[in-house]
């Protein structure tokens, strides 16, 4: 196996032969049609000068001599053929041809001697072909209206949620206004008239974001990734055709490639992870690592006994964005096997991220098992003390700290199984130094550092909160964690969930960790989402058998 090599899209021999044959036939037909149109247009546009050239071949009118005189008209019929011809040629004058209109009159006089009739005909054919491609069929000129019967009335328009951030002197984009203007699949591919829309609206052609859908998956997980791809393609990517990039620590089989390529019209790439990105670093004590596997597995930490899971967390934390295949991309959307996408997405998510200068997007914010990473926060604090210059001036770590537990990390995290991010942020100096600091400490192997809390802390330290987006409109489920936006019956096939639905599902009952006073997503959003009813107390709810998180004025279904 050659490490780091890329496997491009695989196509069998018969499919290749039929594709090449169809391409040759199409090209031949197009060449014949273009030649016919060109010759026809050339004949139609031929300059009147050609008539003059034909006229010059006729015999000139002889000039009568001084002694000649016209024959009487009555003698014309009785004259000999020779005399008749002589008489007729004397009095024959060439007809006056009217000059025909030529399209060369539209060409400036300076260029008329340069451009030929054939060139003008080819140019006209190209213009007509371009117009045929751009102008939609007449039946589509009128916007089609589809009436949908809703099972439940919309009580209020869908509410966009964005975290409260400190006031900034810089002019910042307005994502909500962007969604209002650019939804309705405005930038979907395959809509002819919309090709020129950026030129008409902005005076320049806006480039398509350099983005990809990425998935870390193995050959054995083919059924799971088929499910994920099928739903995401139907809900979104069939309209936008962003490429798929699959990563694995082993080469992909032909069966896997055929099974995934059949689900999309977008390009597919298959990449093998370099061995040094998926192996035990030389500074790790192997004996201590094996003891950690046994201990975390014995106390019930999720996947704490799996060696491959440690490699996966380390790769997702600090190596995925370094892969050569991603060097030409700016944004990624992480897709896991065996997940569900419940809602139609009617806007270009990558364009939304780019145009609004967003660095990170999520749609589930949960509490993780603190037994997985007991040294993560102490090492993060030491990093902050060692590199205070790398912390963003607008960094907000308050929502991740528990004031009732000495200001320690409250174990809240963005659920990274669904994440959309800016690759240039992860490639940045601050994030890279933070990862190397944690990696050298051995936390991925002596403990079970996960990529989700590391991404969360990195984003909190190096990105202002206004550049982080809650994709509440994207319905999603991974294992027990499920998110379905409220008031979404028209575009989603799921039952709405409260924003607090997934708060502590990842924390086992036997875990002794203390839960924060508010759910993770409410702490991130802040403001009105933290207000509680005056007639409620957390202790009182717990005494009555509740979990102590149902006293908010806003229920989370708004």
Protein backbone atom coordinates (compact mmCIF):
# COMPACT_ATOMS: atom_id res chain seq x y z
CA UNK A 1 0.00 0.00 0.00
CA UNK A 2 1.37 3.38 -0.95
CA UNK A 3 0.59 5.85 1.81
CA UNK A 4 -0.86 9.22 1.04
CA UNK A 5 -1.77 8.22 -2.49
CA UNK A 6 -5.10 9.22 -3.94
CA UNK A 7 -7.54 6.93 -5.72
CA UNK A 8 -9.64 8.72 -8.29
CA UNK A 9 -13.13 7.78 -9.43
CA UNK A 10 -13.27 4.21 -10.75
CA UNK A 11 -15.27 3.46 -13.87
CA UNK A 12 -15.53 -0.01 -15.40
CA UNK A 13 -14.43 -0.73 -19.00
CA UNK A 14 -17.88 -1.12 -20.51
CA UNK A 15 -19.10 2.11 -18.97
CA UNK A 16 -16.00 3.91 -20.22
CA UNK A 17 -16.46 2.56 -23.79
CA UNK A 18 -20.11 3.57 -23.93
CA UNK A 19 -19.33 7.01 -22.50
CA UNK A 20 -16.56 7.62 -25.05
CA UNK A 21 -18.80 6.41 -27.89
CA UNK A 22 -21.63 8.73 -26.87
CA UNK A 23 -19.22 11.67 -26.55
CA UNK A 24 -17.81 11.03 -30.07
CA UNK A 25 -21.30 10.75 -31.56
CA UNK A 26 -22.41 13.95 -29.83
CA UNK A 27 -19.28 15.79 -30.98
CA UNK A 28 -19.74 14.60 -34.59
CA UNK A 29 -23.37 15.72 -34.65
CA UNK A 30 -22.45 19.09 -33.17
CA UNK A 31 -19.67 19.53 -35.74
CA UNK A 32 -22.04 18.72 -38.62
CA UNK A 33 -24.69 21.14 -37.34
CA UNK A 34 -22.14 23.91 -36.78
CA UNK A 35 -20.74 23.44 -40.29
CA UNK A 36 -24.22 23.54 -41.81
CA UNK A 37 -25.17 26.67 -39.86
CA UNK A 38 -21.89 28.35 -40.77
CA UNK A 39 -22.22 27.66 -44.50
CA UNK A 40 -25.89 28.73 -44.48
CA UNK A 41 -25.12 31.92 -42.62
CA UNK A 42 -22.23 32.64 -44.98
CA UNK A 43 -24.48 32.34 -48.03
CA UNK A 44 -27.09 34.58 -46.43
CA UNK A 45 -24.55 37.17 -45.40
CA UNK A 46 -22.53 37.13 -48.65
CA UNK A 47 -21.53 40.64 -49.67
CA UNK A 48 -23.04 42.22 -52.82
CA UNK A 49 -19.52 42.58 -54.19
CA UNK A 50 -19.78 39.01 -55.47
CA UNK A 51 -22.62 40.05 -57.82
CA UNK A 52 -20.43 42.77 -59.18
CA UNK A 53 -17.70 40.23 -59.89
CA UNK A 54 -20.18 38.11 -61.87
CA UNK A 55 -21.42 41.16 -63.77
CA UNK A 56 -17.90 41.98 -64.93
CA UNK A 57 -17.81 38.79 -67.02
CA UNK A 58 -20.68 39.97 -69.33
CA UNK A 59 -19.68 41.50 -72.67
CA UNK A 60 -19.40 45.22 -72.60
CA UNK A 61 -21.90 47.28 -74.58
CA UNK A 62 -20.30 48.13 -77.94
CA UNK A 63 -20.05 51.77 -78.78
CA UNK A 64 -21.84 52.59 -82.03
CA UNK A 65 -19.75 54.11 -84.86
CA UNK A 66 -20.45 57.51 -86.28
CA UNK A 67 -21.97 56.09 -89.44
CA UNK A 68 -24.31 53.67 -87.81
CA UNK A 69 -27.93 54.39 -87.45
CA UNK A 70 -30.70 52.59 -85.62
CA UNK A 71 -32.80 50.11 -87.54
CA UNK A 72 -36.47 50.75 -87.61
CA UNK A 73 -38.48 48.81 -85.14
CA UNK A 74 -40.56 47.25 -87.92
CA UNK A 75 -37.42 45.76 -89.51
CA UNK A 76 -36.37 44.03 -86.24
CA UNK A 77 -38.29 40.87 -86.88
CA UNK A 78 -37.18 40.53 -90.50
CA UNK A 79 -33.47 41.09 -89.84
CA UNK A 80 -31.00 38.23 -89.88
CA UNK A 81 -29.84 36.64 -86.71
CA UNK A 82 -26.47 38.32 -86.96
CA UNK A 83 -28.01 41.73 -87.60
CA UNK A 84 -30.51 41.11 -84.83
CA UNK A 85 -27.77 40.39 -82.33
CA UNK A 86 -25.80 43.42 -83.41
CA UNK A 87 -28.83 45.64 -83.11
CA UNK A 88 -29.81 44.28 -79.72
CA UNK A 89 -26.37 44.65 -78.28
CA UNK A 90 -26.17 48.21 -79.43
CA UNK A 91 -29.23 49.19 -77.48
CA UNK A 92 -28.79 46.73 -74.47
CA UNK A 93 -27.95 48.26 -71.14
CA UNK A 94 -27.19 46.20 -67.97
CA UNK A 95 -29.95 46.22 -65.35
CA UNK A 96 -29.43 48.29 -62.26
CA UNK A 97 -28.94 45.92 -59.32
CA UNK A 98 -30.03 47.17 -55.93
CA UNK A 99 -27.35 46.85 -53.30
CA UNK A 100 -28.37 44.20 -50.78
CA UNK A 101 -28.08 44.86 -47.00
CA UNK A 102 -24.99 43.32 -45.47
CA UNK A 103 -24.37 42.75 -41.77
CA UNK A 104 -20.89 44.10 -42.35
CA UNK A 105 -22.50 47.53 -42.25
CA UNK A 106 -22.81 46.97 -38.47
CA UNK A 107 -19.07 46.41 -38.27
CA UNK A 108 -16.91 49.53 -37.90
CA UNK A 109 -15.33 50.60 -41.17
CA UNK A 110 -11.85 49.99 -39.81
CA UNK A 111 -12.63 46.31 -39.11
CA UNK A 112 -14.51 45.53 -42.35
CA UNK A 113 -11.30 44.74 -44.16
CA UNK A 114 -10.11 42.49 -41.36
CA UNK A 115 -13.12 40.31 -40.51
CA UNK A 116 -14.31 37.89 -43.15
CA UNK A 117 -17.83 36.76 -43.90
CA UNK A 118 -17.08 33.30 -42.55
CA UNK A 119 -15.80 34.71 -39.27
CA UNK A 120 -18.89 36.86 -38.95
CA UNK A 121 -21.10 33.82 -39.60
CA UNK A 122 -19.32 31.75 -36.94
CA UNK A 123 -19.66 34.60 -34.45
CA UNK A 124 -23.39 34.85 -35.15
CA UNK A 125 -23.81 31.08 -34.60
CA UNK A 126 -21.99 31.27 -31.27
CA UNK A 127 -24.17 34.16 -30.10
CA UNK A 128 -27.32 32.23 -31.03
CA UNK A 129 -26.07 29.11 -29.23
CA UNK A 130 -25.30 31.16 -26.12
CA UNK A 131 -28.78 32.68 -26.13
CA UNK A 132 -30.37 29.23 -26.53
CA UNK A 133 -28.39 28.03 -23.49
CA UNK A 134 -29.19 31.05 -21.32
CA UNK A 135 -32.83 31.71 -22.12
CA UNK A 136 -35.11 29.14 -20.44
CA UNK A 137 -38.02 27.45 -22.25
CA UNK A 138 -41.11 29.68 -22.48
CA UNK A 139 -43.00 27.35 -20.18
CA UNK A 140 -40.66 28.25 -17.33
CA UNK A 141 -40.85 32.01 -17.73
CA UNK A 142 -43.61 32.20 -15.19
CA UNK A 143 -42.62 31.17 -11.66
CA UNK A 144 -44.18 27.93 -10.66
CA UNK A 145 -46.15 28.01 -7.41
CA UNK A 146 -46.57 24.81 -5.43
CA UNK A 147 -49.27 24.71 -2.78
CA UNK A 148 -48.46 22.55 0.23
CA UNK A 149 -51.05 21.47 2.75
CA UNK A 150 -49.48 21.72 6.18
CA UNK A 151 -50.39 19.25 8.85
CA UNK A 152 -50.10 22.05 11.39
CA UNK A 153 -50.35 25.81 10.88
CA UNK A 154 -47.28 27.95 11.24
CA UNK A 155 -47.71 29.80 14.48
CA UNK A 156 -44.91 32.22 13.65
CA UNK A 157 -42.11 32.50 11.13
CA UNK A 158 -39.05 30.37 11.81
CA UNK A 159 -36.79 32.07 14.30
CA UNK A 160 -33.11 32.45 13.41
CA UNK A 161 -30.87 32.07 16.45
CA UNK A 162 -27.51 33.73 16.86
CA UNK A 163 -25.45 34.06 20.01
CA UNK A 164 -25.15 37.44 21.67
CA UNK A 165 -21.71 38.87 20.99
CA UNK A 166 -19.88 41.98 22.24
CA UNK A 167 -20.45 45.09 20.17
CA UNK A 168 -17.76 45.53 17.55
CA UNK A 169 -16.64 48.64 15.72
CA UNK A 170 -16.15 46.63 12.55
CA UNK A 171 -18.91 46.35 10.01
CA UNK A 172 -20.12 42.77 10.24
CA UNK A 173 -22.31 40.84 7.79
CA UNK A 174 -25.93 40.10 8.59
CA UNK A 175 -26.53 36.34 8.11
CA UNK A 176 -30.27 36.69 8.68
CA UNK A 177 -30.59 39.27 5.90
CA UNK A 178 -28.46 37.03 3.65
CA UNK A 179 -30.85 34.10 4.18
CA UNK A 180 -33.82 36.32 3.33
CA UNK A 181 -32.22 37.38 0.05
CA UNK A 182 -30.48 34.21 -1.08
CA UNK A 183 -32.81 31.36 -0.17
CA UNK A 184 -35.18 29.63 -2.62
CA UNK A 185 -32.16 27.79 -4.11
CA UNK A 186 -30.91 30.97 -5.68
CA UNK A 187 -27.46 29.57 -6.45
CA UNK A 188 -28.49 26.03 -7.37
CA UNK A 189 -26.74 24.61 -10.42
CA UNK A 190 -28.54 23.84 -13.66
CA UNK A 191 -30.75 26.94 -13.70
CA UNK A 192 -29.83 28.66 -16.95
CA UNK A 193 -31.00 32.26 -16.39
CA UNK A 194 -29.31 32.35 -13.00
CA UNK A 195 -25.87 32.01 -14.56
CA UNK A 196 -25.77 35.77 -15.10
CA UNK A 197 -27.53 36.68 -11.86
CA UNK A 198 -24.37 37.70 -9.94
CA UNK A 199 -23.31 39.87 -12.89
CA UNK A 200 -26.68 41.62 -12.99
CA UNK A 201 -27.00 42.10 -9.24
CA UNK A 202 -23.48 42.98 -8.22
CA UNK A 203 -21.65 44.05 -11.33
CA UNK A 204 -19.17 41.17 -11.09
CA UNK A 205 -19.28 37.40 -11.27
CA UNK A 206 -19.13 35.89 -7.78
CA UNK A 207 -17.01 32.74 -7.70
CA UNK A 208 -18.34 29.48 -6.34
CA UNK A 209 -16.95 28.57 -2.89
CA UNK A 210 -14.16 26.03 -2.86
CA UNK A 211 -15.79 23.47 -0.61
CA UNK A 212 -16.32 19.73 -0.21
CA UNK A 213 -18.27 17.14 1.73
CA UNK A 214 -15.80 14.97 3.65
CA UNK A 215 -16.26 11.63 5.38
CA UNK A 216 -13.96 9.41 7.42
CA UNK A 217 -15.29 5.95 6.64
CA UNK A 218 -14.19 2.35 6.06
CA UNK A 219 -15.17 -0.25 3.48
CA UNK A 220 -17.23 -2.11 6.07
CA UNK A 221 -19.34 1.02 6.64
CA UNK A 222 -20.63 1.17 3.07
CA UNK A 223 -24.33 0.66 4.03
CA UNK A 224 -24.07 3.44 6.61
CA UNK A 225 -22.48 5.97 4.26
CA UNK A 226 -24.98 5.04 1.53
CA UNK A 227 -27.79 6.03 3.91
CA UNK A 228 -26.12 9.35 4.80
CA UNK A 229 -25.27 10.23 1.19
CA UNK A 230 -28.72 9.32 -0.12
CA UNK A 231 -30.45 11.67 2.29
CA UNK A 232 -28.00 14.57 2.01
CA UNK A 233 -27.96 14.35 -1.79
CA UNK A 234 -31.76 14.38 -1.92
CA UNK A 235 -32.15 17.17 0.64
CA UNK A 236 -29.38 19.42 -0.63
CA UNK A 237 -26.35 18.40 -2.71
CA UNK A 238 -28.17 17.27 -5.87
CA UNK A 239 -28.89 20.99 -6.36
CA UNK A 240 -25.35 22.23 -5.65
CA UNK A 241 -23.04 19.38 -6.72
CA UNK A 242 -20.20 19.86 -4.25
CA UNK A 243 -17.60 17.07 -4.42
CA UNK A 244 -17.36 14.16 -1.99
CA UNK A 245 -14.00 13.23 -0.44
CA UNK A 246 -13.72 9.94 1.45
CA UNK A 247 -10.84 9.23 3.85
CA UNK A 248 -9.72 5.95 5.36
CA UNK A 249 -6.66 4.33 6.90
CA UNK A 250 -6.91 1.57 4.27
CA UNK A 251 -7.50 1.62 0.48
CA UNK A 252 -11.11 1.70 -0.65
CA UNK A 253 -12.53 -1.31 -2.44
CA UNK A 254 -14.07 -1.20 -5.90
CA UNK A 255 -17.41 -2.11 -4.35
CA UNK A 256 -17.23 0.92 -2.05
CA UNK A 257 -16.36 3.22 -4.94
CA UNK A 258 -19.17 1.96 -7.17
CA UNK A 259 -21.66 2.07 -4.31
CA UNK A 260 -20.92 5.73 -3.50
CA UNK A 261 -20.48 7.00 -7.07
CA UNK A 262 -23.93 5.71 -7.99
CA UNK A 263 -25.51 8.06 -5.44
CA UNK A 264 -24.26 11.40 -6.76
CA UNK A 265 -23.49 13.34 -9.93
CA UNK A 266 -20.75 15.24 -8.11
CA UNK A 267 -17.07 14.21 -8.30
CA UNK A 268 -15.89 11.60 -5.78
CA UNK A 269 -12.35 11.22 -4.41
CA UNK A 270 -10.94 8.38 -2.32
CA UNK A 271 -7.95 9.12 -0.11
CA UNK A 272 -5.70 7.02 2.14
CA UNK A 273 -4.54 8.66 5.38
CA UNK A 274 -0.73 8.76 5.76
CA UNK A 275 0.55 6.22 8.29
CA UNK A 276 2.19 8.80 10.55
CA UNK A 277 -1.24 10.47 10.95
CA UNK A 278 -2.85 7.19 12.06
CA UNK A 279 -0.31 5.56 14.37
CA UNK A 280 1.11 5.85 17.86
CA UNK A 281 3.57 8.80 18.10
CA UNK A 282 7.09 7.90 19.20
CA UNK A 283 6.80 9.95 22.41
CA UNK A 284 3.90 7.84 23.75
CA UNK A 285 4.64 5.18 26.38
CA UNK A 286 2.92 2.09 24.96
CA UNK A 287 2.54 0.41 28.35
CA UNK A 288 0.84 3.43 29.86
CA UNK A 289 -1.39 3.63 26.80
CA UNK A 290 -2.55 0.03 27.17
CA UNK A 291 -3.32 0.61 30.84
CA UNK A 292 -5.44 3.62 29.85
CA UNK A 293 -7.43 1.51 27.40
CA UNK A 294 -8.17 -1.05 30.08
CA UNK A 295 -9.08 1.51 32.74
CA UNK A 296 -11.41 3.68 30.63
CA UNK A 297 -13.12 0.59 29.25
CA UNK A 298 -13.66 -0.75 32.76
CA UNK A 299 -15.32 2.44 34.09
CA UNK A 300 -17.66 2.67 31.10
CA UNK A 301 -16.26 5.62 29.13
CA UNK A 302 -17.68 5.41 25.62
CA UNK A 303 -15.27 3.66 23.22
CA UNK A 304 -12.54 4.13 25.78
CA UNK A 305 -11.07 0.68 24.99
CA UNK A 306 -10.77 1.17 21.20
CA UNK A 307 -7.30 1.89 19.77
CA UNK A 308 -8.67 3.01 16.39
CA UNK A 309 -10.98 5.49 18.14
CA UNK A 310 -7.93 7.23 19.67
CA UNK A 311 -6.32 7.52 16.23
CA UNK A 312 -9.58 8.87 14.81
CA UNK A 313 -9.94 11.56 17.50
CA UNK A 314 -6.35 12.66 16.97
CA UNK A 315 -6.73 12.78 13.16
CA UNK A 316 -9.98 14.77 13.34
CA UNK A 317 -8.40 17.17 15.82
CA UNK A 318 -5.18 18.07 14.06
CA UNK A 319 -4.56 16.28 10.77
CA UNK A 320 -7.62 16.17 8.52
CA UNK A 321 -7.13 19.73 7.26
CA UNK A 322 -3.49 18.96 6.36
CA UNK A 323 -4.33 16.26 3.83
CA UNK A 324 -3.08 17.17 0.30
CA UNK A 325 -6.52 16.55 -1.23
CA UNK A 326 -7.96 19.45 0.80
CA UNK A 327 -5.27 21.98 -0.06
CA UNK A 328 -7.43 23.53 -2.80
CA UNK A 329 -10.54 23.82 -0.59
CA UNK A 330 -11.62 26.50 1.87
CA UNK A 331 -14.69 24.93 3.52
CA UNK A 332 -15.82 21.45 4.53
CA UNK A 333 -18.98 19.72 5.74
CA UNK A 334 -18.33 16.63 7.83
CA UNK A 335 -20.62 13.68 7.07
CA UNK A 336 -20.71 10.55 9.22
CA UNK A 337 -22.06 7.09 8.29
CA UNK A 338 -25.50 6.10 9.62
CA UNK A 339 -26.86 9.61 10.07
CA UNK A 340 -30.15 11.18 8.98
CA UNK A 341 -30.91 14.54 7.35
CA UNK A 342 -34.57 15.40 7.83
CA UNK A 343 -35.02 18.79 6.14
CA UNK A 344 -34.82 20.32 2.67
CA UNK A 345 -32.09 22.97 2.58
CA UNK A 346 -32.89 25.68 0.04
CA UNK A 347 -29.71 27.75 0.08
CA UNK A 348 -26.01 27.24 -0.59
CA UNK A 349 -24.57 26.57 2.86
CA UNK A 350 -20.95 27.05 1.79
CA UNK A 351 -21.75 30.36 0.10
CA UNK A 352 -23.59 31.37 3.27
CA UNK A 353 -20.47 30.61 5.35
CA UNK A 354 -18.15 32.46 2.98
CA UNK A 355 -20.27 35.55 2.34
CA UNK A 356 -20.91 36.07 6.07
CA UNK A 357 -17.30 35.37 7.09
CA UNK A 358 -18.32 32.50 9.37
CA UNK A 359 -15.66 30.14 10.69
CA UNK A 360 -17.68 27.34 12.27
CA UNK A 361 -21.20 25.95 12.17
CA UNK A 362 -23.00 23.37 14.34
CA UNK A 363 -26.55 22.24 15.14
CA UNK A 364 -26.21 20.22 18.36
CA UNK A 365 -24.49 21.38 21.56
CA UNK A 366 -24.16 18.70 24.25
CA UNK A 367 -22.49 17.77 27.50
CA UNK A 368 -19.69 15.18 27.24
CA UNK A 369 -18.44 12.64 29.76
CA UNK A 370 -15.80 14.52 31.78
CA UNK A 371 -14.03 11.27 32.67
CA UNK A 372 -12.76 11.15 29.07
CA UNK A 373 -10.44 14.17 29.40
CA UNK A 374 -9.61 15.10 33.03
CA UNK A 375 -6.45 17.00 32.04
CA UNK A 376 -7.87 18.84 29.01
CA UNK A 377 -8.80 22.06 30.80
CA UNK A 378 -5.61 22.31 32.92
CA UNK A 379 -3.53 21.90 29.75
CA UNK A 380 -5.69 24.47 27.97
CA UNK A 381 -5.17 26.97 30.79
CA UNK A 382 -1.40 26.43 30.63
CA UNK A 383 -1.54 27.05 26.87
CA UNK A 384 -3.44 30.34 27.41
CA UNK A 385 -0.82 31.43 29.97
CA UNK A 386 2.02 30.53 27.60
CA UNK A 387 0.47 32.11 24.47
CA UNK A 388 -1.79 34.99 25.54
CA UNK A 389 -1.02 36.75 22.24
CA UNK A 390 -2.86 34.03 20.29
CA UNK A 391 -6.19 34.48 22.07
CA UNK A 392 -8.68 36.53 20.05
CA UNK A 393 -9.59 39.92 21.61
CA UNK A 394 -13.29 38.99 21.38
CA UNK A 395 -12.87 35.44 22.67
CA UNK A 396 -15.72 34.24 24.88
CA UNK A 397 -14.93 31.33 27.20
CA UNK A 398 -17.47 32.23 29.86
CA UNK A 399 -20.17 29.94 28.51
CA UNK A 400 -17.73 26.99 28.83
CA UNK A 401 -16.79 27.59 32.47
CA UNK A 402 -18.74 26.51 35.55
CA UNK A 403 -18.68 29.17 38.31
CA UNK A 404 -19.89 26.58 40.87
CA UNK A 405 -16.94 24.30 40.14
CA UNK A 406 -13.99 26.65 40.53
CA UNK A 407 -14.25 28.00 37.00
CA UNK A 408 -13.35 24.64 35.46
CA UNK A 409 -14.46 23.49 32.04
CA UNK A 410 -18.13 22.49 32.16
CA UNK A 411 -17.65 19.79 29.45
CA UNK A 412 -20.03 21.45 26.96
CA UNK A 413 -19.10 20.88 23.32
CA UNK A 414 -20.24 21.37 19.76
CA UNK A 415 -21.30 17.93 18.50
CA UNK A 416 -18.61 17.59 15.82
CA UNK A 417 -20.27 14.71 13.98
CA UNK A 418 -22.16 17.55 12.32
CA UNK A 419 -19.88 20.46 11.64
CA UNK A 420 -19.28 22.91 8.81
CA UNK A 421 -16.04 24.79 9.03
CA UNK A 422 -13.46 27.08 7.50
CA UNK A 423 -10.34 25.05 6.69
CA UNK A 424 -8.19 28.17 6.76
CA UNK A 425 -9.10 28.70 10.41
CA UNK A 426 -7.95 25.20 11.33
CA UNK A 427 -4.77 25.67 9.30
CA UNK A 428 -4.05 28.89 11.22
CA UNK A 429 -1.14 29.33 13.61
CA UNK A 430 -3.24 29.56 16.78
CA UNK A 431 -5.21 26.35 16.24
CA UNK A 432 -2.14 24.44 15.10
CA UNK A 433 -0.10 25.45 18.13
CA UNK A 434 -2.98 24.51 20.45
CA UNK A 435 -3.24 21.04 18.89
CA UNK A 436 0.51 20.46 19.12
CA UNK A 437 0.45 21.53 22.78
CA UNK A 438 -2.23 18.95 23.59
CA UNK A 439 -0.72 16.26 21.37
CA UNK A 440 2.69 16.46 23.06
CA UNK A 441 0.98 15.97 26.42
CA UNK A 442 -0.30 12.56 25.31
CA UNK A 443 -3.95 13.22 26.13
CA UNK A 444 -5.22 11.40 23.01
CA UNK A 445 -3.72 8.12 24.27
CA UNK A 446 -3.27 8.38 28.05
CA UNK A 447 -6.81 9.74 28.28
CA UNK A 448 -9.50 9.90 25.60
CA UNK A 449 -9.31 13.44 24.26
CA UNK A 450 -12.06 13.86 21.67
CA UNK A 451 -12.06 16.13 18.64
CA UNK A 452 -15.40 17.68 19.71
CA UNK A 453 -14.21 19.37 22.95
CA UNK A 454 -10.91 20.35 21.28
CA UNK A 455 -12.70 22.00 18.35
CA UNK A 456 -15.05 23.72 20.82
CA UNK A 457 -12.25 25.15 22.95
CA UNK A 458 -10.25 26.18 19.89
CA UNK A 459 -13.21 28.01 18.36
CA UNK A 460 -13.99 29.70 21.69
CA UNK A 461 -10.41 30.93 22.10
CA UNK A 462 -9.58 32.01 18.55
CA UNK A 463 -12.91 32.99 16.93
CA UNK A 464 -15.37 35.72 17.97
CA UNK A 465 -18.79 34.32 18.78
CA UNK A 466 -20.40 36.28 15.94
CA UNK A 467 -18.47 34.07 13.49
CA UNK A 468 -20.03 30.86 14.85
CA UNK A 469 -23.45 29.81 13.51
CA UNK A 470 -26.20 27.60 14.94
CA UNK A 471 -27.72 25.73 11.96
CA UNK A 472 -31.03 25.21 13.66
CA UNK A 473 -32.84 24.79 10.34
CA UNK A 474 -30.92 21.59 9.46
CA UNK A 475 -32.66 18.50 10.86
CA UNK A 476 -30.13 15.86 11.87
CA UNK A 477 -29.74 12.64 13.85
CA UNK A 478 -26.69 10.66 14.88
CA UNK A 479 -27.33 7.71 17.14
CA UNK A 480 -29.29 9.00 20.20
CA UNK A 481 -28.70 12.67 19.43
CA UNK A 482 -31.49 14.09 17.32
CA UNK A 483 -32.36 17.63 16.26
CA UNK A 484 -35.48 18.73 14.40
CA UNK A 485 -36.32 22.45 14.02
CA UNK A 486 -39.71 23.72 15.18
CA UNK A 487 -42.36 25.05 12.78
CA UNK A 488 -40.80 23.10 9.93
CA UNK A 489 -43.55 20.78 8.70
CA UNK A 490 -43.30 22.22 5.17
CA UNK A 491 -39.64 21.23 4.70
CA UNK A 492 -38.87 18.57 7.31
CA UNK A 493 -39.97 14.98 7.92
CA UNK A 494 -39.46 14.82 11.68
CA UNK A 495 -41.11 15.75 14.95
CA UNK A 496 -39.77 19.06 16.32
CA UNK A 497 -37.41 18.79 19.29
CA UNK A 498 -36.63 21.28 22.01
CA UNK A 499 -33.19 22.85 21.86
CA UNK A 500 -32.44 21.18 25.23
CA UNK A 501 -33.29 17.72 23.88
CA UNK A 502 -29.74 16.39 23.64
CA UNK A 503 -28.20 18.21 26.61
CA UNK A 504 -26.77 15.30 28.67
CA UNK A 505 -27.48 12.21 26.56
CA UNK A 506 -23.77 11.44 26.23
CA UNK A 507 -23.21 11.37 30.00
CA UNK A 508 -23.83 7.92 31.55
CA UNK A 509 -25.92 7.71 34.70
CA UNK A 510 -22.91 6.35 36.63
CA UNK A 511 -20.79 9.42 35.84
CA UNK A 512 -20.28 11.54 39.00
CA UNK A 513 -19.76 14.81 37.12
CA UNK A 514 -21.81 17.83 38.08
CA UNK A 515 -24.05 19.22 35.39
CA UNK A 516 -24.07 22.99 34.83
CA UNK A 517 -27.09 25.08 35.86
CA UNK A 518 -28.13 25.69 32.25
CA UNK A 519 -28.06 23.56 29.11
CA UNK A 520 -25.06 23.98 26.84
CA UNK A 521 -26.95 25.56 23.92
CA UNK A 522 -28.63 28.12 26.18
CA UNK A 523 -25.29 29.11 27.67
CA UNK A 524 -23.93 29.60 24.17
CA UNK A 525 -26.91 31.69 23.01
CA UNK A 526 -27.23 33.66 26.25
CA UNK A 527 -29.65 36.58 26.74
CA UNK A 528 -33.36 35.77 26.79
CA UNK A 529 -32.70 32.03 26.50
CA UNK A 530 -31.41 31.97 30.08
CA UNK A 531 -34.40 33.70 31.69
CA UNK A 532 -36.39 31.53 34.11
CA UNK A 533 -39.91 31.77 35.44
CA UNK A 534 -40.24 33.53 38.79
CA UNK A 535 -42.43 30.73 40.20
CA UNK A 536 -39.85 28.01 39.49
CA UNK A 537 -36.75 26.67 41.22
CA UNK A 538 -34.34 24.00 40.07
CA UNK A 539 -34.26 22.31 43.46
CA UNK A 540 -38.04 22.17 43.57
CA UNK A 541 -38.25 20.54 40.15
CA UNK A 542 -35.68 17.91 41.12
CA UNK A 543 -37.62 17.11 44.29
CA UNK A 544 -40.70 16.45 42.17
CA UNK A 545 -38.76 14.05 39.90
CA UNK A 546 -37.67 16.42 37.14
CA UNK A 547 -34.17 16.98 35.85
CA UNK A 548 -34.14 20.67 36.79
CA UNK A 549 -34.09 22.13 33.26
CA UNK A 550 -37.75 22.97 32.58
CA UNK A 551 -38.11 26.38 34.18
CA UNK A 552 -37.20 28.61 31.24
CA UNK A 553 -39.54 31.31 29.97
CA UNK A 554 -38.70 30.19 26.43
CA UNK A 555 -39.35 26.47 26.14
CA UNK A 556 -36.91 25.90 23.27
CA UNK A 557 -39.63 25.25 20.69
CA UNK A 558 -39.97 28.87 19.63
